[in-house]
């Protein structure tokens, strides 16, 4: 728990503020998992702080929640093309992806269980970054990803209903928290 809390504080996920009058405070909980290695032996214990987003109200705590996600059929098609045309294929995983999204709404959360002190009495956390469990977390993560990709010279496929970004001969497809990068050779003439 301490490791997770330290990572959230390092990421500047929130700021401690006096509890605002008339604002809904989202509660939170700790979710514990046991990570195992391929042999089935315990590798480590993990704790994740999760906001209870089901208590959020549309129009007050969040507005939009839709985020583009690639369909599995699109992922399979791109992997098939990369294999058949001998294109290099890379898969990247973003650790704690949802924690990198910037929040634009005013969302207040209670102090995590087990960490309330005399200094936190009457105070709450004003979230600046998204957390797992918030309704707007997927959209906040995608918006951050989109800004980063466009900032590196990529452009989003306008006709696509999938999160696909292209720059010259490179395709980046966002699938949940993973990215598939396909470096295309000059075989692009196949699609002309």
N, C-alpha and C. Protein backbone atom coordinates (compact mmCIF):
# COMPACT_ATOMS: atom_id res chain seq x y z
N UNK A 1 0.82 -1.19 0.00
CA UNK A 1 0.00 0.00 0.00
C UNK A 1 0.86 1.25 0.00
N UNK A 2 1.93 1.23 0.77
CA UNK A 2 2.79 2.41 0.86
C UNK A 2 3.45 2.71 -0.48
N UNK A 3 3.83 1.64 -1.20
CA UNK A 3 4.45 1.81 -2.51
C UNK A 3 3.47 2.44 -3.50
N UNK A 4 2.24 1.98 -3.50
CA UNK A 4 1.20 2.51 -4.38
C UNK A 4 0.91 3.97 -4.02
N UNK A 5 0.78 4.26 -2.75
CA UNK A 5 0.50 5.62 -2.30
C UNK A 5 1.65 6.56 -2.68
N UNK A 6 2.88 6.09 -2.53
CA UNK A 6 4.05 6.91 -2.89
C UNK A 6 4.05 7.20 -4.39
N UNK A 7 3.70 6.20 -5.20
CA UNK A 7 3.65 6.39 -6.66
C UNK A 7 2.57 7.40 -7.04
N UNK A 8 1.42 7.33 -6.38
CA UNK A 8 0.33 8.28 -6.66
C UNK A 8 0.73 9.70 -6.27
N UNK A 9 1.41 9.85 -5.15
CA UNK A 9 1.85 11.17 -4.71
C UNK A 9 2.95 11.70 -5.62
N UNK A 10 3.85 10.83 -6.07
CA UNK A 10 4.92 11.24 -6.99
C UNK A 10 4.33 11.71 -8.31
N UNK A 11 3.24 11.09 -8.75
CA UNK A 11 2.56 11.43 -9.99
C UNK A 11 1.70 12.69 -9.84
N UNK A 12 1.65 13.24 -8.64
CA UNK A 12 0.82 14.42 -8.33
C UNK A 12 -0.63 14.17 -8.72
N UNK A 13 -1.14 13.03 -8.26
CA UNK A 13 -2.50 12.61 -8.57
C UNK A 13 -3.54 13.48 -7.88
N UNK A 14 -3.20 14.04 -6.74
CA UNK A 14 -4.17 14.82 -5.98
C UNK A 14 -3.50 15.89 -5.16
N UNK A 15 -4.36 16.73 -4.58
CA UNK A 15 -3.90 17.69 -3.58
C UNK A 15 -4.86 17.63 -2.40
N UNK A 16 -4.33 17.78 -1.22
CA UNK A 16 -5.13 17.76 0.00
C UNK A 16 -5.77 19.13 0.18
N UNK A 17 -7.11 19.16 0.26
CA UNK A 17 -7.84 20.43 0.38
C UNK A 17 -8.92 20.29 1.46
N UNK A 18 -9.38 21.42 2.00
CA UNK A 18 -10.51 21.35 2.94
C UNK A 18 -11.74 20.79 2.22
N UNK A 19 -12.55 20.04 2.92
CA UNK A 19 -13.75 19.44 2.32
C UNK A 19 -14.70 20.53 1.86
N UNK A 20 -15.01 20.57 0.55
CA UNK A 20 -15.89 21.64 0.04
C UNK A 20 -17.34 21.39 0.40
N UNK A 21 -18.06 22.46 0.65
CA UNK A 21 -19.47 22.35 1.00
C UNK A 21 -20.28 22.08 -0.27
N UNK A 22 -21.24 21.18 -0.19
CA UNK A 22 -22.14 20.92 -1.29
C UNK A 22 -21.57 20.09 -2.42
N UNK A 23 -20.36 19.56 -2.27
CA UNK A 23 -19.75 18.72 -3.31
C UNK A 23 -19.81 17.27 -2.87
N UNK A 24 -20.07 16.38 -3.84
CA UNK A 24 -20.09 14.95 -3.55
C UNK A 24 -18.65 14.44 -3.44
N UNK A 25 -18.41 13.66 -2.41
CA UNK A 25 -17.08 13.09 -2.18
C UNK A 25 -17.13 11.62 -2.60
N UNK A 26 -16.27 11.24 -3.55
CA UNK A 26 -16.19 9.85 -4.01
C UNK A 26 -15.38 9.06 -2.99
N UNK A 27 -15.88 7.91 -2.61
CA UNK A 27 -15.11 7.07 -1.69
C UNK A 27 -14.14 6.19 -2.48
N UNK A 28 -13.30 5.48 -1.77
CA UNK A 28 -12.31 4.63 -2.43
C UNK A 28 -12.07 3.38 -1.60
N UNK A 29 -11.35 2.45 -2.18
CA UNK A 29 -11.01 1.22 -1.46
C UNK A 29 -9.69 0.68 -2.00
N UNK A 30 -9.08 -0.19 -1.23
CA UNK A 30 -7.86 -0.87 -1.66
C UNK A 30 -8.25 -2.22 -2.26
N UNK A 31 -7.66 -2.54 -3.41
CA UNK A 31 -7.86 -3.84 -4.04
C UNK A 31 -6.51 -4.56 -4.00
N UNK A 32 -6.52 -5.75 -3.43
CA UNK A 32 -5.28 -6.51 -3.26
C UNK A 32 -5.24 -7.68 -4.23
N UNK A 33 -4.08 -7.88 -4.85
CA UNK A 33 -3.89 -9.03 -5.73
C UNK A 33 -2.55 -9.67 -5.43
N UNK A 34 -2.48 -10.94 -5.75
CA UNK A 34 -1.24 -11.69 -5.60
C UNK A 34 -0.71 -11.96 -7.00
N UNK A 35 0.47 -11.43 -7.31
CA UNK A 35 1.09 -11.64 -8.62
C UNK A 35 1.94 -12.89 -8.55
N UNK A 36 1.75 -13.76 -9.55
CA UNK A 36 2.50 -15.01 -9.59
C UNK A 36 3.39 -15.04 -10.83
N UNK A 37 4.51 -15.75 -10.72
CA UNK A 37 5.37 -15.92 -11.89
C UNK A 37 4.84 -17.09 -12.72
N UNK A 38 5.40 -17.37 -13.88
CA UNK A 38 4.88 -18.46 -14.73
C UNK A 38 4.86 -19.84 -14.06
N UNK A 39 5.71 -20.03 -13.04
CA UNK A 39 5.73 -21.31 -12.32
C UNK A 39 4.59 -21.44 -11.31
N UNK A 40 3.88 -20.35 -11.07
CA UNK A 40 2.80 -20.37 -10.09
C UNK A 40 3.23 -19.95 -8.70
N UNK A 41 4.50 -19.62 -8.54
CA UNK A 41 5.00 -19.17 -7.24
C UNK A 41 4.68 -17.70 -7.06
N UNK A 42 4.47 -17.31 -5.82
CA UNK A 42 4.14 -15.92 -5.51
C UNK A 42 5.34 -15.04 -5.81
N UNK A 43 5.11 -14.06 -6.68
CA UNK A 43 6.17 -13.13 -7.06
C UNK A 43 6.14 -11.91 -6.15
N UNK A 44 4.92 -11.36 -5.96
CA UNK A 44 4.77 -10.20 -5.07
C UNK A 44 3.30 -9.98 -4.77
N UNK A 45 3.07 -9.16 -3.76
CA UNK A 45 1.72 -8.76 -3.40
C UNK A 45 1.53 -7.33 -3.90
N UNK A 46 0.36 -7.05 -4.44
CA UNK A 46 0.12 -5.74 -5.01
C UNK A 46 -1.14 -5.14 -4.42
N UNK A 47 -1.09 -3.84 -4.14
CA UNK A 47 -2.26 -3.10 -3.66
C UNK A 47 -2.53 -1.98 -4.64
N UNK A 48 -3.79 -1.79 -5.01
CA UNK A 48 -4.17 -0.71 -5.93
C UNK A 48 -5.30 0.07 -5.30
N UNK A 49 -5.16 1.40 -5.32
CA UNK A 49 -6.21 2.28 -4.81
C UNK A 49 -7.22 2.49 -5.93
N UNK A 50 -8.48 2.18 -5.66
CA UNK A 50 -9.54 2.27 -6.66
C UNK A 50 -10.65 3.18 -6.14
N UNK A 51 -11.01 4.15 -6.97
CA UNK A 51 -12.12 5.05 -6.62
C UNK A 51 -13.43 4.31 -6.86
N UNK A 52 -14.41 4.57 -6.03
CA UNK A 52 -15.73 3.95 -6.20
C UNK A 52 -16.55 4.83 -7.14
N UNK A 53 -16.22 4.72 -8.43
CA UNK A 53 -16.82 5.56 -9.46
C UNK A 53 -18.30 5.37 -9.64
N UNK A 54 -18.84 4.26 -9.16
CA UNK A 54 -20.28 4.02 -9.31
C UNK A 54 -21.10 5.07 -8.55
N UNK A 55 -20.46 5.80 -7.65
CA UNK A 55 -21.19 6.84 -6.91
C UNK A 55 -21.13 8.20 -7.62
N UNK A 56 -20.45 8.27 -8.76
CA UNK A 56 -20.37 9.52 -9.51
C UNK A 56 -21.68 9.81 -10.22
N UNK A 57 -21.97 11.08 -10.41
CA UNK A 57 -23.20 11.51 -11.06
C UNK A 57 -22.87 12.20 -12.36
N UNK A 58 -23.55 11.76 -13.44
CA UNK A 58 -23.32 12.36 -14.76
C UNK A 58 -23.68 13.84 -14.73
N UNK A 59 -22.81 14.65 -15.33
CA UNK A 59 -23.04 16.09 -15.38
C UNK A 59 -22.48 16.83 -14.19
N UNK A 60 -22.16 16.10 -13.12
CA UNK A 60 -21.60 16.74 -11.92
C UNK A 60 -20.14 16.31 -11.75
N UNK A 61 -19.93 15.00 -11.63
CA UNK A 61 -18.58 14.47 -11.43
C UNK A 61 -17.88 14.13 -12.74
N UNK A 62 -18.63 13.93 -13.80
CA UNK A 62 -18.04 13.59 -15.09
C UNK A 62 -19.01 13.96 -16.20
N UNK A 63 -18.47 14.14 -17.40
CA UNK A 63 -19.31 14.45 -18.55
C UNK A 63 -19.22 13.32 -19.58
N UNK A 64 -18.06 13.19 -20.20
CA UNK A 64 -17.90 12.21 -21.25
C UNK A 64 -17.07 11.04 -20.75
N UNK A 65 -17.41 9.84 -21.19
CA UNK A 65 -16.64 8.67 -20.78
C UNK A 65 -16.14 7.87 -21.97
N UNK A 66 -16.60 8.19 -23.18
CA UNK A 66 -16.26 7.38 -24.34
C UNK A 66 -14.80 7.55 -24.73
N UNK A 67 -14.12 6.44 -24.91
CA UNK A 67 -12.74 6.43 -25.40
C UNK A 67 -12.63 5.34 -26.47
N UNK A 68 -11.98 5.68 -27.55
CA UNK A 68 -11.80 4.71 -28.62
C UNK A 68 -10.94 3.54 -28.15
N UNK A 69 -11.35 2.35 -28.50
CA UNK A 69 -10.58 1.14 -28.22
C UNK A 69 -10.64 0.27 -29.46
N UNK A 70 -9.50 -0.25 -29.85
CA UNK A 70 -9.45 -1.10 -31.04
C UNK A 70 -10.21 -2.40 -30.82
N UNK A 71 -10.91 -2.82 -31.85
CA UNK A 71 -11.60 -4.11 -31.77
C UNK A 71 -10.56 -5.21 -31.96
N UNK A 72 -10.83 -6.36 -31.39
CA UNK A 72 -9.91 -7.48 -31.51
C UNK A 72 -9.71 -7.88 -32.97
N UNK A 73 -10.76 -7.74 -33.79
CA UNK A 73 -10.63 -8.10 -35.20
C UNK A 73 -9.63 -7.17 -35.91
N UNK A 74 -9.59 -5.90 -35.51
CA UNK A 74 -8.63 -4.95 -36.09
C UNK A 74 -7.21 -5.33 -35.69
N UNK A 75 -7.04 -5.69 -34.42
CA UNK A 75 -5.73 -6.10 -33.93
C UNK A 75 -5.26 -7.33 -34.70
N UNK A 76 -6.14 -8.32 -34.84
CA UNK A 76 -5.78 -9.55 -35.57
C UNK A 76 -5.42 -9.25 -37.02
N UNK A 77 -6.18 -8.36 -37.66
CA UNK A 77 -5.92 -8.01 -39.06
C UNK A 77 -4.54 -7.37 -39.21
N UNK A 78 -4.21 -6.41 -38.34
CA UNK A 78 -2.90 -5.76 -38.42
C UNK A 78 -1.76 -6.74 -38.12
N UNK A 79 -1.96 -7.63 -37.18
CA UNK A 79 -0.93 -8.63 -36.88
C UNK A 79 -0.76 -9.57 -38.07
N UNK A 80 -1.86 -9.94 -38.69
CA UNK A 80 -1.81 -10.80 -39.87
C UNK A 80 -1.06 -10.12 -41.01
N UNK A 81 -1.36 -8.85 -41.27
CA UNK A 81 -0.67 -8.10 -42.32
C UNK A 81 0.82 -8.01 -42.02
N UNK A 82 1.14 -7.68 -40.77
CA UNK A 82 2.55 -7.57 -40.38
C UNK A 82 3.29 -8.89 -40.58
N UNK A 83 2.63 -9.98 -40.28
CA UNK A 83 3.24 -11.30 -40.44
C UNK A 83 3.39 -11.65 -41.92
N UNK A 84 2.33 -11.48 -42.69
CA UNK A 84 2.35 -11.85 -44.10
C UNK A 84 3.29 -11.00 -44.94
N UNK A 85 3.39 -9.71 -44.62
CA UNK A 85 4.25 -8.83 -45.40
C UNK A 85 5.62 -8.62 -44.75
N UNK A 86 5.89 -9.37 -43.69
CA UNK A 86 7.19 -9.32 -43.01
C UNK A 86 7.52 -7.93 -42.47
N UNK A 87 6.50 -7.24 -41.93
CA UNK A 87 6.71 -5.93 -41.34
C UNK A 87 7.13 -6.10 -39.89
N UNK A 88 8.02 -5.27 -39.38
CA UNK A 88 8.37 -5.33 -37.95
C UNK A 88 7.15 -4.99 -37.09
N UNK A 89 6.98 -5.67 -36.00
CA UNK A 89 5.82 -5.48 -35.12
C UNK A 89 6.33 -5.36 -33.69
N UNK A 90 5.87 -4.34 -32.99
CA UNK A 90 6.28 -4.12 -31.60
C UNK A 90 5.04 -3.95 -30.74
N UNK A 91 5.10 -4.49 -29.54
CA UNK A 91 4.00 -4.34 -28.58
C UNK A 91 4.56 -3.66 -27.35
N UNK A 92 3.91 -2.61 -26.90
CA UNK A 92 4.33 -1.87 -25.73
C UNK A 92 3.23 -1.90 -24.69
N UNK A 93 3.59 -1.97 -23.44
CA UNK A 93 2.62 -1.96 -22.36
C UNK A 93 2.86 -0.71 -21.52
N UNK A 94 1.80 0.00 -21.23
CA UNK A 94 1.91 1.20 -20.41
C UNK A 94 1.52 0.83 -18.98
N UNK A 95 2.45 0.92 -18.08
CA UNK A 95 2.17 0.60 -16.68
C UNK A 95 1.24 1.66 -16.08
N UNK A 96 0.22 1.20 -15.39
CA UNK A 96 -0.72 2.10 -14.73
C UNK A 96 -1.23 3.20 -15.66
N UNK A 97 -1.63 2.80 -16.85
CA UNK A 97 -2.03 3.75 -17.89
C UNK A 97 -3.08 4.75 -17.42
N UNK A 98 -4.10 4.27 -16.72
CA UNK A 98 -5.19 5.16 -16.33
C UNK A 98 -4.74 6.25 -15.37
N UNK A 99 -3.63 6.04 -14.69
CA UNK A 99 -3.16 7.02 -13.72
C UNK A 99 -2.49 8.21 -14.38
N UNK A 100 -2.31 8.18 -15.70
CA UNK A 100 -1.64 9.27 -16.40
C UNK A 100 -2.60 10.26 -17.03
N UNK A 101 -3.89 9.96 -16.99
CA UNK A 101 -4.88 10.86 -17.59
C UNK A 101 -5.13 12.07 -16.72
N UNK A 102 -5.22 13.24 -17.35
CA UNK A 102 -5.50 14.48 -16.61
C UNK A 102 -7.00 14.66 -16.46
N UNK A 103 -7.44 15.01 -15.26
CA UNK A 103 -8.86 15.26 -15.01
C UNK A 103 -9.17 16.74 -15.22
N UNK A 104 -10.27 17.01 -15.90
CA UNK A 104 -10.70 18.39 -16.10
C UNK A 104 -11.91 18.72 -15.22
N UNK A 105 -12.57 17.69 -14.72
CA UNK A 105 -13.72 17.90 -13.83
C UNK A 105 -13.22 18.04 -12.39
N UNK A 106 -14.05 18.65 -11.57
CA UNK A 106 -13.74 18.74 -10.14
C UNK A 106 -14.21 17.46 -9.48
N UNK A 107 -13.26 16.62 -9.07
CA UNK A 107 -13.60 15.36 -8.41
C UNK A 107 -12.86 15.33 -7.07
N UNK A 108 -13.63 15.10 -6.02
CA UNK A 108 -13.07 15.02 -4.67
C UNK A 108 -13.21 13.60 -4.16
N UNK A 109 -12.17 13.11 -3.49
CA UNK A 109 -12.17 11.74 -2.98
C UNK A 109 -11.77 11.74 -1.52
N UNK A 110 -12.35 10.82 -0.79
CA UNK A 110 -12.00 10.70 0.63
C UNK A 110 -10.56 10.22 0.78
N UNK A 111 -10.02 10.41 1.96
CA UNK A 111 -8.68 9.94 2.28
C UNK A 111 -8.69 8.40 2.21
N UNK A 112 -7.67 7.78 1.58
CA UNK A 112 -7.66 6.31 1.47
C UNK A 112 -7.75 5.64 2.84
N UNK A 113 -8.48 4.53 2.92
CA UNK A 113 -8.62 3.81 4.19
C UNK A 113 -7.25 3.45 4.79
N UNK A 114 -7.13 3.74 6.07
CA UNK A 114 -5.90 3.42 6.78
C UNK A 114 -4.89 4.57 6.80
N UNK A 115 -5.21 5.68 6.15
CA UNK A 115 -4.25 6.78 6.08
C UNK A 115 -4.79 8.09 6.63
N UNK A 116 -5.94 8.05 7.28
CA UNK A 116 -6.49 9.25 7.91
C UNK A 116 -5.68 9.56 9.17
N UNK A 117 -5.35 10.84 9.34
CA UNK A 117 -4.59 11.29 10.51
C UNK A 117 -5.27 12.55 11.06
N UNK A 118 -4.69 13.08 12.11
CA UNK A 118 -5.23 14.32 12.68
C UNK A 118 -5.10 15.48 11.68
N UNK A 119 -4.03 15.46 10.85
CA UNK A 119 -3.82 16.52 9.87
C UNK A 119 -4.82 16.45 8.71
N UNK A 120 -5.38 15.27 8.46
CA UNK A 120 -6.32 15.11 7.34
C UNK A 120 -7.77 15.25 7.78
N UNK A 121 -8.00 15.47 9.06
CA UNK A 121 -9.37 15.61 9.56
C UNK A 121 -10.05 16.80 8.89
N UNK A 122 -11.24 16.57 8.31
CA UNK A 122 -11.99 17.61 7.63
C UNK A 122 -11.45 17.96 6.24
N UNK A 123 -10.54 17.13 5.74
CA UNK A 123 -9.96 17.38 4.42
C UNK A 123 -10.24 16.21 3.49
N UNK A 124 -10.16 16.49 2.20
CA UNK A 124 -10.36 15.47 1.16
C UNK A 124 -9.27 15.65 0.11
N UNK A 125 -9.23 14.74 -0.84
CA UNK A 125 -8.27 14.82 -1.93
C UNK A 125 -8.97 15.34 -3.17
N UNK A 126 -8.48 16.42 -3.73
CA UNK A 126 -9.00 16.92 -5.01
C UNK A 126 -8.15 16.26 -6.08
N UNK A 127 -8.78 15.41 -6.90
CA UNK A 127 -8.05 14.64 -7.89
C UNK A 127 -7.65 15.52 -9.08
N UNK A 128 -6.38 15.43 -9.45
CA UNK A 128 -5.87 16.14 -10.63
C UNK A 128 -5.61 15.16 -11.77
N UNK A 129 -5.41 13.89 -11.42
CA UNK A 129 -5.18 12.83 -12.41
C UNK A 129 -6.24 11.76 -12.18
N UNK A 130 -6.47 10.97 -13.19
CA UNK A 130 -7.50 9.93 -13.07
C UNK A 130 -6.99 8.76 -12.22
N UNK A 131 -7.93 8.03 -11.71
CA UNK A 131 -7.66 6.83 -10.90
C UNK A 131 -8.49 5.69 -11.46
N UNK A 132 -8.05 4.48 -11.22
CA UNK A 132 -8.86 3.33 -11.59
C UNK A 132 -10.18 3.43 -10.86
N UNK A 133 -11.25 3.12 -11.56
CA UNK A 133 -12.58 3.14 -10.96
C UNK A 133 -13.39 4.37 -11.32
N UNK A 134 -12.75 5.48 -11.67
CA UNK A 134 -13.50 6.67 -12.07
C UNK A 134 -14.11 6.45 -13.44
N UNK A 135 -15.28 6.96 -13.64
CA UNK A 135 -15.98 6.75 -14.91
C UNK A 135 -15.25 7.39 -16.09
N UNK A 136 -14.56 8.50 -15.86
CA UNK A 136 -13.90 9.20 -16.95
C UNK A 136 -12.45 8.77 -17.17
N UNK A 137 -11.96 7.80 -16.43
CA UNK A 137 -10.56 7.39 -16.55
C UNK A 137 -10.16 6.93 -17.95
N UNK A 138 -10.95 6.06 -18.63
CA UNK A 138 -10.54 5.65 -19.98
C UNK A 138 -10.41 6.83 -20.94
N UNK A 139 -11.35 7.77 -20.88
CA UNK A 139 -11.30 8.92 -21.78
C UNK A 139 -10.12 9.83 -21.43
N UNK A 140 -9.86 10.03 -20.16
CA UNK A 140 -8.74 10.87 -19.74
C UNK A 140 -7.42 10.27 -20.22
N UNK A 141 -7.28 8.95 -20.14
CA UNK A 141 -6.06 8.27 -20.61
C UNK A 141 -5.93 8.41 -22.12
N UNK A 142 -7.03 8.20 -22.85
CA UNK A 142 -6.96 8.30 -24.31
C UNK A 142 -6.63 9.72 -24.75
N UNK A 143 -7.22 10.72 -24.09
CA UNK A 143 -6.93 12.12 -24.44
C UNK A 143 -5.45 12.44 -24.23
N UNK A 144 -4.88 11.94 -23.15
CA UNK A 144 -3.45 12.15 -22.88
C UNK A 144 -2.60 11.45 -23.92
N UNK A 145 -2.97 10.22 -24.26
CA UNK A 145 -2.25 9.45 -25.27
C UNK A 145 -2.32 10.16 -26.63
N UNK A 146 -3.52 10.64 -26.97
CA UNK A 146 -3.72 11.33 -28.25
C UNK A 146 -2.86 12.59 -28.34
N UNK A 147 -2.82 13.40 -27.27
CA UNK A 147 -1.99 14.60 -27.26
C UNK A 147 -0.52 14.25 -27.45
N UNK A 148 -0.07 13.19 -26.78
CA UNK A 148 1.33 12.78 -26.89
C UNK A 148 1.66 12.32 -28.31
N UNK A 149 0.78 11.52 -28.90
CA UNK A 149 1.02 11.00 -30.25
C UNK A 149 1.01 12.15 -31.26
N UNK A 150 0.06 13.03 -31.17
CA UNK A 150 -0.02 14.17 -32.11
C UNK A 150 1.19 15.09 -31.91
N UNK A 151 1.66 15.22 -30.68
CA UNK A 151 2.84 16.02 -30.39
C UNK A 151 4.11 15.45 -30.98
N UNK A 152 4.11 14.15 -31.28
CA UNK A 152 5.28 13.51 -31.90
C UNK A 152 5.15 13.42 -33.42
N UNK A 153 4.15 14.10 -33.97
CA UNK A 153 4.03 14.13 -35.42
C UNK A 153 3.06 13.12 -36.01
N UNK A 154 2.42 12.32 -35.19
CA UNK A 154 1.44 11.37 -35.68
C UNK A 154 0.12 12.11 -35.92
N UNK A 155 -0.71 11.54 -36.77
CA UNK A 155 -2.05 12.09 -36.92
C UNK A 155 -3.04 10.94 -36.78
N UNK A 156 -4.15 11.24 -36.15
CA UNK A 156 -5.15 10.20 -35.92
C UNK A 156 -5.91 9.93 -37.21
N UNK A 157 -6.17 8.66 -37.47
CA UNK A 157 -6.95 8.28 -38.64
C UNK A 157 -8.35 8.86 -38.47
N UNK A 158 -8.74 9.74 -39.36
CA UNK A 158 -10.01 10.43 -39.23
C UNK A 158 -11.19 9.52 -39.54
N UNK A 159 -11.05 8.67 -40.54
CA UNK A 159 -12.14 7.80 -40.94
C UNK A 159 -12.26 6.58 -40.03
N UNK A 160 -11.27 6.36 -39.21
CA UNK A 160 -11.25 5.15 -38.39
C UNK A 160 -12.16 5.30 -37.18
N UNK A 161 -12.79 4.20 -36.81
CA UNK A 161 -13.54 4.15 -35.56
C UNK A 161 -12.71 3.41 -34.53
N UNK A 162 -11.42 3.41 -34.78
CA UNK A 162 -10.48 2.74 -33.90
C UNK A 162 -9.36 3.72 -33.58
N UNK A 163 -8.73 3.60 -32.44
CA UNK A 163 -7.66 4.53 -32.07
C UNK A 163 -6.39 4.22 -32.83
N UNK A 164 -6.28 4.69 -34.05
CA UNK A 164 -5.15 4.41 -34.91
C UNK A 164 -4.45 5.72 -35.25
N UNK A 165 -3.13 5.75 -35.10
CA UNK A 165 -2.35 6.94 -35.39
C UNK A 165 -1.30 6.58 -36.43
N UNK A 166 -1.10 7.46 -37.40
CA UNK A 166 -0.16 7.17 -38.49
C UNK A 166 0.81 8.33 -38.66
N UNK A 167 2.07 8.00 -38.90
CA UNK A 167 3.06 8.98 -39.35
C UNK A 167 3.87 8.28 -40.43
N UNK A 168 3.94 8.87 -41.56
CA UNK A 168 4.58 8.32 -42.76
C UNK A 168 4.33 6.82 -42.89
N UNK A 169 5.27 5.98 -42.51
CA UNK A 169 5.11 4.54 -42.72
C UNK A 169 5.02 3.77 -41.41
N UNK A 170 4.43 4.37 -40.40
CA UNK A 170 4.34 3.72 -39.10
C UNK A 170 2.90 3.83 -38.60
N UNK A 171 2.37 2.73 -38.11
CA UNK A 171 1.01 2.71 -37.55
C UNK A 171 1.11 2.39 -36.07
N UNK A 172 0.40 3.12 -35.24
CA UNK A 172 0.31 2.81 -33.81
C UNK A 172 -1.17 2.60 -33.51
N UNK A 173 -1.49 1.44 -32.99
CA UNK A 173 -2.86 1.09 -32.67
C UNK A 173 -2.97 0.94 -31.16
N UNK A 174 -3.92 1.64 -30.55
CA UNK A 174 -4.11 1.55 -29.11
C UNK A 174 -5.15 0.49 -28.81
N UNK A 175 -4.78 -0.49 -28.03
CA UNK A 175 -5.68 -1.56 -27.63
C UNK A 175 -5.65 -1.63 -26.11
N UNK A 176 -6.69 -1.08 -25.48
CA UNK A 176 -6.74 -0.94 -24.03
C UNK A 176 -5.50 -0.22 -23.55
N UNK A 177 -4.63 -0.89 -22.80
CA UNK A 177 -3.45 -0.21 -22.28
C UNK A 177 -2.20 -0.62 -23.05
N UNK A 178 -2.38 -1.35 -24.13
CA UNK A 178 -1.24 -1.79 -24.93
C UNK A 178 -1.22 -1.02 -26.24
N UNK A 179 -0.07 -0.91 -26.82
CA UNK A 179 0.05 -0.29 -28.13
C UNK A 179 0.73 -1.27 -29.05
N UNK A 180 0.23 -1.40 -30.25
CA UNK A 180 0.89 -2.19 -31.28
C UNK A 180 1.51 -1.21 -32.26
N UNK A 181 2.77 -1.36 -32.51
CA UNK A 181 3.43 -0.51 -33.49
C UNK A 181 3.85 -1.38 -34.65
N UNK A 182 3.45 -0.98 -35.82
CA UNK A 182 3.82 -1.71 -37.01
C UNK A 182 4.60 -0.76 -37.90
N UNK A 183 5.84 -1.10 -38.15
CA UNK A 183 6.67 -0.29 -39.03
C UNK A 183 6.52 -0.88 -40.43
N UNK A 184 5.85 -0.16 -41.28
CA UNK A 184 5.55 -0.66 -42.61
C UNK A 184 6.72 -0.45 -43.55
N UNK A 185 6.94 -1.41 -44.41
CA UNK A 185 7.92 -1.24 -45.47
C UNK A 185 7.23 -0.50 -46.61
N UNK A 186 7.87 -0.35 -47.68
CA UNK A 186 7.28 0.40 -48.79
C UNK A 186 6.22 -0.38 -49.54
N UNK A 187 5.68 -1.41 -48.93
CA UNK A 187 4.64 -2.21 -49.53
C UNK A 187 3.28 -1.49 -49.41
N UNK A 188 3.30 -0.27 -48.93
CA UNK A 188 2.07 0.51 -48.77
C UNK A 188 1.33 0.65 -50.09
N UNK A 189 2.00 0.43 -51.20
CA UNK A 189 1.33 0.52 -52.51
C UNK A 189 0.21 -0.47 -52.63
N UNK A 190 0.19 -1.50 -51.77
CA UNK A 190 -0.89 -2.49 -51.79
C UNK A 190 -2.25 -1.84 -51.48
N UNK A 191 -2.23 -0.76 -50.68
CA UNK A 191 -3.49 -0.14 -50.27
C UNK A 191 -3.88 1.02 -51.17
N UNK A 192 -3.10 1.30 -52.21
CA UNK A 192 -3.43 2.43 -53.09
C UNK A 192 -4.39 2.00 -54.16
